[in-house]
């Protein structure tokens, strides 16, 4: 394995187990990485406010890539280092497409997630799992006049997230959004579409952070499982896909780790540490 100076990792489906936790085995590997001077950088589609406490509580955590690369947060200084928001033109073009869809629409501003109050109060039509419902209720801020406020905030949106129940409709909307040519269109689950600035991908954020830290791409290991992780895996010197990941992610990876519920990330990091000794 190449000499690695920074490990970037997706969270859900990659680093975290099914309970959204860091196992003791993984924590030990992360701790050893820190002792050897290797940066650990979570890279997630979540806004900063919804990054799991298990991640935020890591005593050696410094940088976090959030909202699919729309922001890089300094966890020590408690502020964004870099922000790449959607353009007002992109937001204004997305609103007419999304406004009348039978989907959940969310938007992220300055690390916080917002949802229409009417949707927040009645999530039953959207086919969500109980755990997903709890996640939304615990992490989203409900707002009145959702679409009006979204339009008024069009210059400061990090991300727009659409959650579908109808997969045929999702495919249609995906193509329509891509055709706009104004935004990056990707996904972190089979049910959602995440819309960000073309400058806001996990790979571009990682490239920016590496430049700030003086680390070349060949000394980066990146781990992921979904479409929004693909550019990051391609950027890194070593791209690791999870066994539970999507087929095209695994096809593009340099290595395949065991799935997130069988210590896949921990085993990769243990291998990295072993080869450095």
Protein backbone atom coordinates (compact mmCIF):
# COMPACT_ATOMS: atom_id res chain seq x y z
CA UNK A 1 0.00 0.00 0.00
CA UNK A 2 1.31 3.48 -0.84
CA UNK A 3 2.60 5.78 1.88
CA UNK A 4 -0.64 7.38 3.09
CA UNK A 5 -0.81 10.75 4.84
CA UNK A 6 -4.59 11.30 4.80
CA UNK A 7 -7.60 8.99 4.94
CA UNK A 8 -10.93 10.38 3.72
CA UNK A 9 -14.03 8.32 4.38
CA UNK A 10 -17.72 8.44 3.69
CA UNK A 11 -19.80 7.81 6.80
CA UNK A 12 -23.12 6.02 6.18
CA UNK A 13 -22.58 2.60 4.66
CA UNK A 14 -18.81 2.95 4.91
CA UNK A 15 -17.25 4.01 8.18
CA UNK A 16 -20.30 3.65 10.42
CA UNK A 17 -22.05 0.38 11.13
CA UNK A 18 -25.81 -0.21 10.81
CA UNK A 19 -26.33 1.53 14.17
CA UNK A 20 -24.46 4.64 12.90
CA UNK A 21 -21.72 3.99 15.42
CA UNK A 22 -17.94 3.65 15.44
CA UNK A 23 -16.96 0.22 16.73
CA UNK A 24 -14.21 -0.03 19.38
CA UNK A 25 -12.04 -1.78 16.80
CA UNK A 26 -12.44 1.08 14.34
CA UNK A 27 -11.86 3.70 17.03
CA UNK A 28 -8.59 2.01 17.97
CA UNK A 29 -7.44 2.06 14.32
CA UNK A 30 -8.35 5.76 13.97
CA UNK A 31 -6.50 6.52 17.20
CA UNK A 32 -3.39 4.74 15.93
CA UNK A 33 -3.62 6.63 12.65
CA UNK A 34 -3.63 9.90 14.54
CA UNK A 35 -0.59 8.83 16.58
CA UNK A 36 1.25 8.19 13.32
CA UNK A 37 0.36 11.65 11.99
CA UNK A 38 -2.22 10.50 9.41
CA UNK A 39 -5.11 12.89 8.93
CA UNK A 40 -8.61 11.41 9.19
CA UNK A 41 -11.21 13.38 7.21
CA UNK A 42 -14.89 12.34 7.21
CA UNK A 43 -16.51 13.14 3.85
CA UNK A 44 -20.28 13.05 3.94
CA UNK A 45 -23.40 14.19 2.17
CA UNK A 46 -24.78 15.32 5.53
CA UNK A 47 -24.70 18.97 6.60
CA UNK A 48 -22.39 19.60 9.53
CA UNK A 49 -25.18 19.82 12.11
CA UNK A 50 -26.25 16.24 11.37
CA UNK A 51 -22.82 14.63 11.44
CA UNK A 52 -23.17 11.86 14.07
CA UNK A 53 -21.97 12.65 17.55
CA UNK A 54 -19.74 9.59 17.38
CA UNK A 55 -17.72 11.45 14.72
CA UNK A 56 -17.84 14.90 16.31
CA UNK A 57 -16.64 13.45 19.61
CA UNK A 58 -13.37 12.12 18.14
CA UNK A 59 -10.68 14.05 20.05
CA UNK A 60 -8.38 14.15 17.02
CA UNK A 61 -11.00 15.32 14.51
CA UNK A 62 -9.99 18.50 12.65
CA UNK A 63 -11.55 18.73 9.18
CA UNK A 64 -14.90 17.45 7.91
CA UNK A 65 -16.12 17.55 4.30
CA UNK A 66 -19.90 18.07 4.38
CA UNK A 67 -22.87 18.46 2.03
CA UNK A 68 -21.07 16.41 -0.64
CA UNK A 69 -18.18 18.85 -0.72
CA UNK A 70 -20.13 22.09 -0.53
CA UNK A 71 -18.29 22.90 2.69
CA UNK A 72 -15.15 21.98 4.57
CA UNK A 73 -15.60 22.50 8.30
CA UNK A 74 -12.86 23.05 10.84
CA UNK A 75 -14.14 21.08 13.83
CA UNK A 76 -11.71 22.83 16.18
CA UNK A 77 -12.47 26.39 15.08
CA UNK A 78 -16.17 25.53 14.65
CA UNK A 79 -16.46 27.24 11.28
CA UNK A 80 -16.45 26.56 7.56
CA UNK A 81 -13.04 26.87 5.91
CA UNK A 82 -14.44 26.58 2.38
CA UNK A 83 -18.00 26.99 1.06
CA UNK A 84 -19.13 26.27 -2.50
CA UNK A 85 -22.83 27.05 -2.62
CA UNK A 86 -25.26 26.52 -5.45
CA UNK A 87 -25.60 29.50 -7.76
CA UNK A 88 -28.83 31.52 -7.48
CA UNK A 89 -29.55 30.60 -11.13
CA UNK A 90 -29.28 26.91 -10.30
CA UNK A 91 -31.62 27.18 -7.31
CA UNK A 92 -34.13 29.20 -9.32
CA UNK A 93 -34.07 26.52 -12.04
CA UNK A 94 -34.45 23.61 -9.60
CA UNK A 95 -37.40 25.06 -7.67
CA UNK A 96 -39.97 24.75 -10.51
CA UNK A 97 -38.87 21.15 -11.11
CA UNK A 98 -39.00 20.10 -7.46
CA UNK A 99 -41.90 22.18 -6.16
CA UNK A 100 -44.78 19.96 -7.28
CA UNK A 101 -43.06 16.57 -7.00
CA UNK A 102 -44.50 14.00 -4.53
CA UNK A 103 -41.14 13.85 -2.76
CA UNK A 104 -39.45 15.16 0.35
CA UNK A 105 -37.40 18.25 -0.45
CA UNK A 106 -34.74 19.54 1.94
CA UNK A 107 -32.15 22.27 1.68
CA UNK A 108 -28.97 22.91 3.63
CA UNK A 109 -27.70 26.33 4.72
CA UNK A 110 -24.56 26.94 6.82
CA UNK A 111 -24.46 23.35 7.99
CA UNK A 112 -28.15 23.05 8.93
CA UNK A 113 -30.98 21.17 7.18
CA UNK A 114 -34.47 22.57 6.55
CA UNK A 115 -37.74 20.93 5.54
CA UNK A 116 -41.31 22.15 4.96
CA UNK A 117 -43.28 22.15 8.20
CA UNK A 118 -46.24 20.44 6.48
CA UNK A 119 -43.99 17.57 5.39
CA UNK A 120 -42.22 17.38 8.74
CA UNK A 121 -45.56 16.96 10.48
CA UNK A 122 -46.76 14.21 8.11
CA UNK A 123 -44.02 11.93 6.80
CA UNK A 124 -46.30 8.91 6.35
CA UNK A 125 -46.92 9.31 2.56
CA UNK A 126 -43.24 8.97 1.68
CA UNK A 127 -42.56 5.32 2.47
CA UNK A 128 -39.73 5.96 4.92
CA UNK A 129 -38.40 3.45 7.39
CA UNK A 130 -38.95 4.13 11.07
CA UNK A 131 -35.26 4.93 11.53
CA UNK A 132 -35.33 7.41 8.63
CA UNK A 133 -38.39 9.12 10.09
CA UNK A 134 -36.61 9.46 13.44
CA UNK A 135 -33.54 10.84 11.70
CA UNK A 136 -35.55 13.53 9.91
CA UNK A 137 -37.49 14.49 13.04
CA UNK A 138 -34.28 14.76 15.06
CA UNK A 139 -32.13 16.57 12.51
CA UNK A 140 -34.33 18.79 10.30
CA UNK A 141 -35.68 22.25 11.10
CA UNK A 142 -39.29 22.67 9.91
CA UNK A 143 -40.12 25.99 8.21
CA UNK A 144 -43.30 27.69 7.10
CA UNK A 145 -43.45 29.07 3.54
CA UNK A 146 -40.74 26.59 2.59
CA UNK A 147 -40.48 27.38 -1.12
CA UNK A 148 -40.63 31.13 -0.62
CA UNK A 149 -37.83 31.00 1.94
CA UNK A 150 -35.83 28.69 -0.28
CA UNK A 151 -36.03 31.17 -3.15
CA UNK A 152 -35.09 34.10 -0.89
CA UNK A 153 -32.07 32.10 0.33
CA UNK A 154 -31.01 31.09 -3.18
CA UNK A 155 -27.52 32.58 -2.83
CA UNK A 156 -26.53 30.59 0.28
CA UNK A 157 -27.76 27.03 -0.31
CA UNK A 158 -25.16 24.28 0.10
CA UNK A 159 -27.33 21.45 -1.13
CA UNK A 160 -30.86 20.49 -2.17
CA UNK A 161 -31.88 16.94 -1.34
CA UNK A 162 -34.85 15.12 -2.89
CA UNK A 163 -36.09 11.82 -1.41
CA UNK A 164 -38.19 9.64 -3.73
CA UNK A 165 -40.58 6.75 -3.30
CA UNK A 166 -41.16 6.30 -7.05
CA UNK A 167 -37.93 5.13 -8.69
CA UNK A 168 -39.17 5.74 -12.24
CA UNK A 169 -39.89 9.34 -11.29
CA UNK A 170 -36.45 9.61 -9.71
CA UNK A 171 -34.83 8.50 -12.96
CA UNK A 172 -36.84 11.06 -14.92
CA UNK A 173 -36.01 13.92 -12.55
CA UNK A 174 -32.34 12.92 -12.46
CA UNK A 175 -32.14 13.34 -16.23
CA UNK A 176 -34.03 16.64 -16.11
CA UNK A 177 -31.70 18.08 -13.48
CA UNK A 178 -28.60 16.91 -15.32
CA UNK A 179 -29.91 18.57 -18.48
CA UNK A 180 -29.93 21.96 -16.73
CA UNK A 181 -26.15 22.04 -16.80
CA UNK A 182 -26.13 24.26 -13.71
CA UNK A 183 -25.42 21.82 -10.90
CA UNK A 184 -23.83 18.59 -9.81
CA UNK A 185 -26.39 15.75 -9.53
CA UNK A 186 -25.52 12.71 -7.46
CA UNK A 187 -26.87 10.41 -4.74
CA UNK A 188 -25.90 8.84 -1.44
CA UNK A 189 -28.77 6.32 -1.38
CA UNK A 190 -30.85 4.58 -4.06
CA UNK A 191 -33.82 6.78 -3.08
CA UNK A 192 -32.39 10.30 -3.15
CA UNK A 193 -30.98 12.95 -5.48
CA UNK A 194 -28.48 15.45 -4.12
CA UNK A 195 -28.01 18.75 -5.94
CA UNK A 196 -24.93 20.90 -5.36
CA UNK A 197 -22.70 23.37 -7.14
CA UNK A 198 -20.55 21.85 -9.92
CA UNK A 199 -17.62 22.91 -7.71
CA UNK A 200 -19.03 20.97 -4.77
CA UNK A 201 -18.05 17.32 -4.93
CA UNK A 202 -16.24 15.29 -2.32
CA UNK A 203 -13.30 15.04 -4.71
CA UNK A 204 -13.01 18.80 -5.28
CA UNK A 205 -13.26 19.48 -1.55
CA UNK A 206 -10.66 16.82 -0.84
CA UNK A 207 -8.37 18.29 -3.50
CA UNK A 208 -8.74 21.74 -1.91
CA UNK A 209 -8.02 20.41 1.57
CA UNK A 210 -5.01 18.46 0.37
CA UNK A 211 -3.62 21.63 -1.20
CA UNK A 212 -4.07 23.46 2.11
CA UNK A 213 -2.27 20.66 3.96
CA UNK A 214 0.44 20.14 1.34
CA UNK A 215 -0.55 16.53 0.64
CA UNK A 216 -0.48 15.06 -2.87
CA UNK A 217 -3.31 12.86 -4.13
CA UNK A 218 -1.07 9.79 -4.31
CA UNK A 219 -0.75 9.91 -0.52
CA UNK A 220 -4.52 9.84 0.03
CA UNK A 221 -6.73 6.82 0.73
CA UNK A 222 -10.47 7.33 0.23
CA UNK A 223 -13.30 4.97 1.18
CA UNK A 224 -16.92 4.99 0.02
CA UNK A 225 -19.93 3.03 -1.16
CA UNK A 226 -22.22 5.30 -3.22
CA UNK A 227 -22.37 7.43 -6.36
CA UNK A 228 -21.37 10.59 -4.51
CA UNK A 229 -18.15 8.86 -3.39
CA UNK A 230 -16.96 7.92 -6.89
CA UNK A 231 -15.05 11.14 -7.76
CA UNK A 232 -13.29 11.00 -4.38
CA UNK A 233 -12.19 7.41 -4.93
CA UNK A 234 -10.92 8.31 -8.39
CA UNK A 235 -8.99 11.32 -7.01
CA UNK A 236 -7.23 9.40 -4.25
CA UNK A 237 -4.04 7.42 -4.68
CA UNK A 238 -5.96 4.45 -3.28
CA UNK A 239 -9.73 4.19 -3.71
CA UNK A 240 -11.49 1.67 -1.49
CA UNK A 241 -15.08 0.56 -2.10
CA UNK A 242 -17.16 -1.29 0.44
CA UNK A 243 -18.49 -4.76 -0.35
CA UNK A 244 -21.96 -3.36 0.35
CA UNK A 245 -21.37 -0.57 -2.18
CA UNK A 246 -22.90 -0.01 -5.60
CA UNK A 247 -21.52 -2.09 -8.46
CA UNK A 248 -20.01 0.80 -10.43
CA UNK A 249 -18.23 2.06 -7.31
CA UNK A 250 -16.64 -1.33 -6.73
CA UNK A 251 -15.66 -1.54 -10.40
CA UNK A 252 -13.79 1.76 -10.18
CA UNK A 253 -12.01 1.04 -6.87
CA UNK A 254 -8.43 -0.12 -6.32
CA UNK A 255 -9.49 -2.27 -3.38
CA UNK A 256 -12.70 -3.80 -2.00
CA UNK A 257 -13.24 -3.78 1.76
CA UNK A 258 -15.59 -6.04 3.66
CA UNK A 259 -19.00 -4.51 4.30
CA UNK A 260 -19.62 -1.83 6.90
CA UNK A 261 -21.16 -4.29 9.37
CA UNK A 262 -18.16 -6.63 9.30
CA UNK A 263 -15.35 -4.21 10.22
CA UNK A 264 -14.50 -3.43 6.59
CA UNK A 265 -13.13 0.06 7.23
CA UNK A 266 -11.28 -1.04 10.37
CA UNK A 267 -9.57 -3.88 8.51
CA UNK A 268 -8.40 -1.56 5.73
CA UNK A 269 -6.97 0.89 8.27
CA UNK A 270 -5.31 -1.93 10.20
CA UNK A 271 -3.67 -3.08 6.96
CA UNK A 272 -2.50 0.48 6.29
CA UNK A 273 -1.01 0.79 9.76
CA UNK A 274 0.67 -2.63 9.56
CA UNK A 275 2.39 -1.74 6.30
CA UNK A 276 3.72 1.52 7.75
CA UNK A 277 5.52 -0.25 10.61
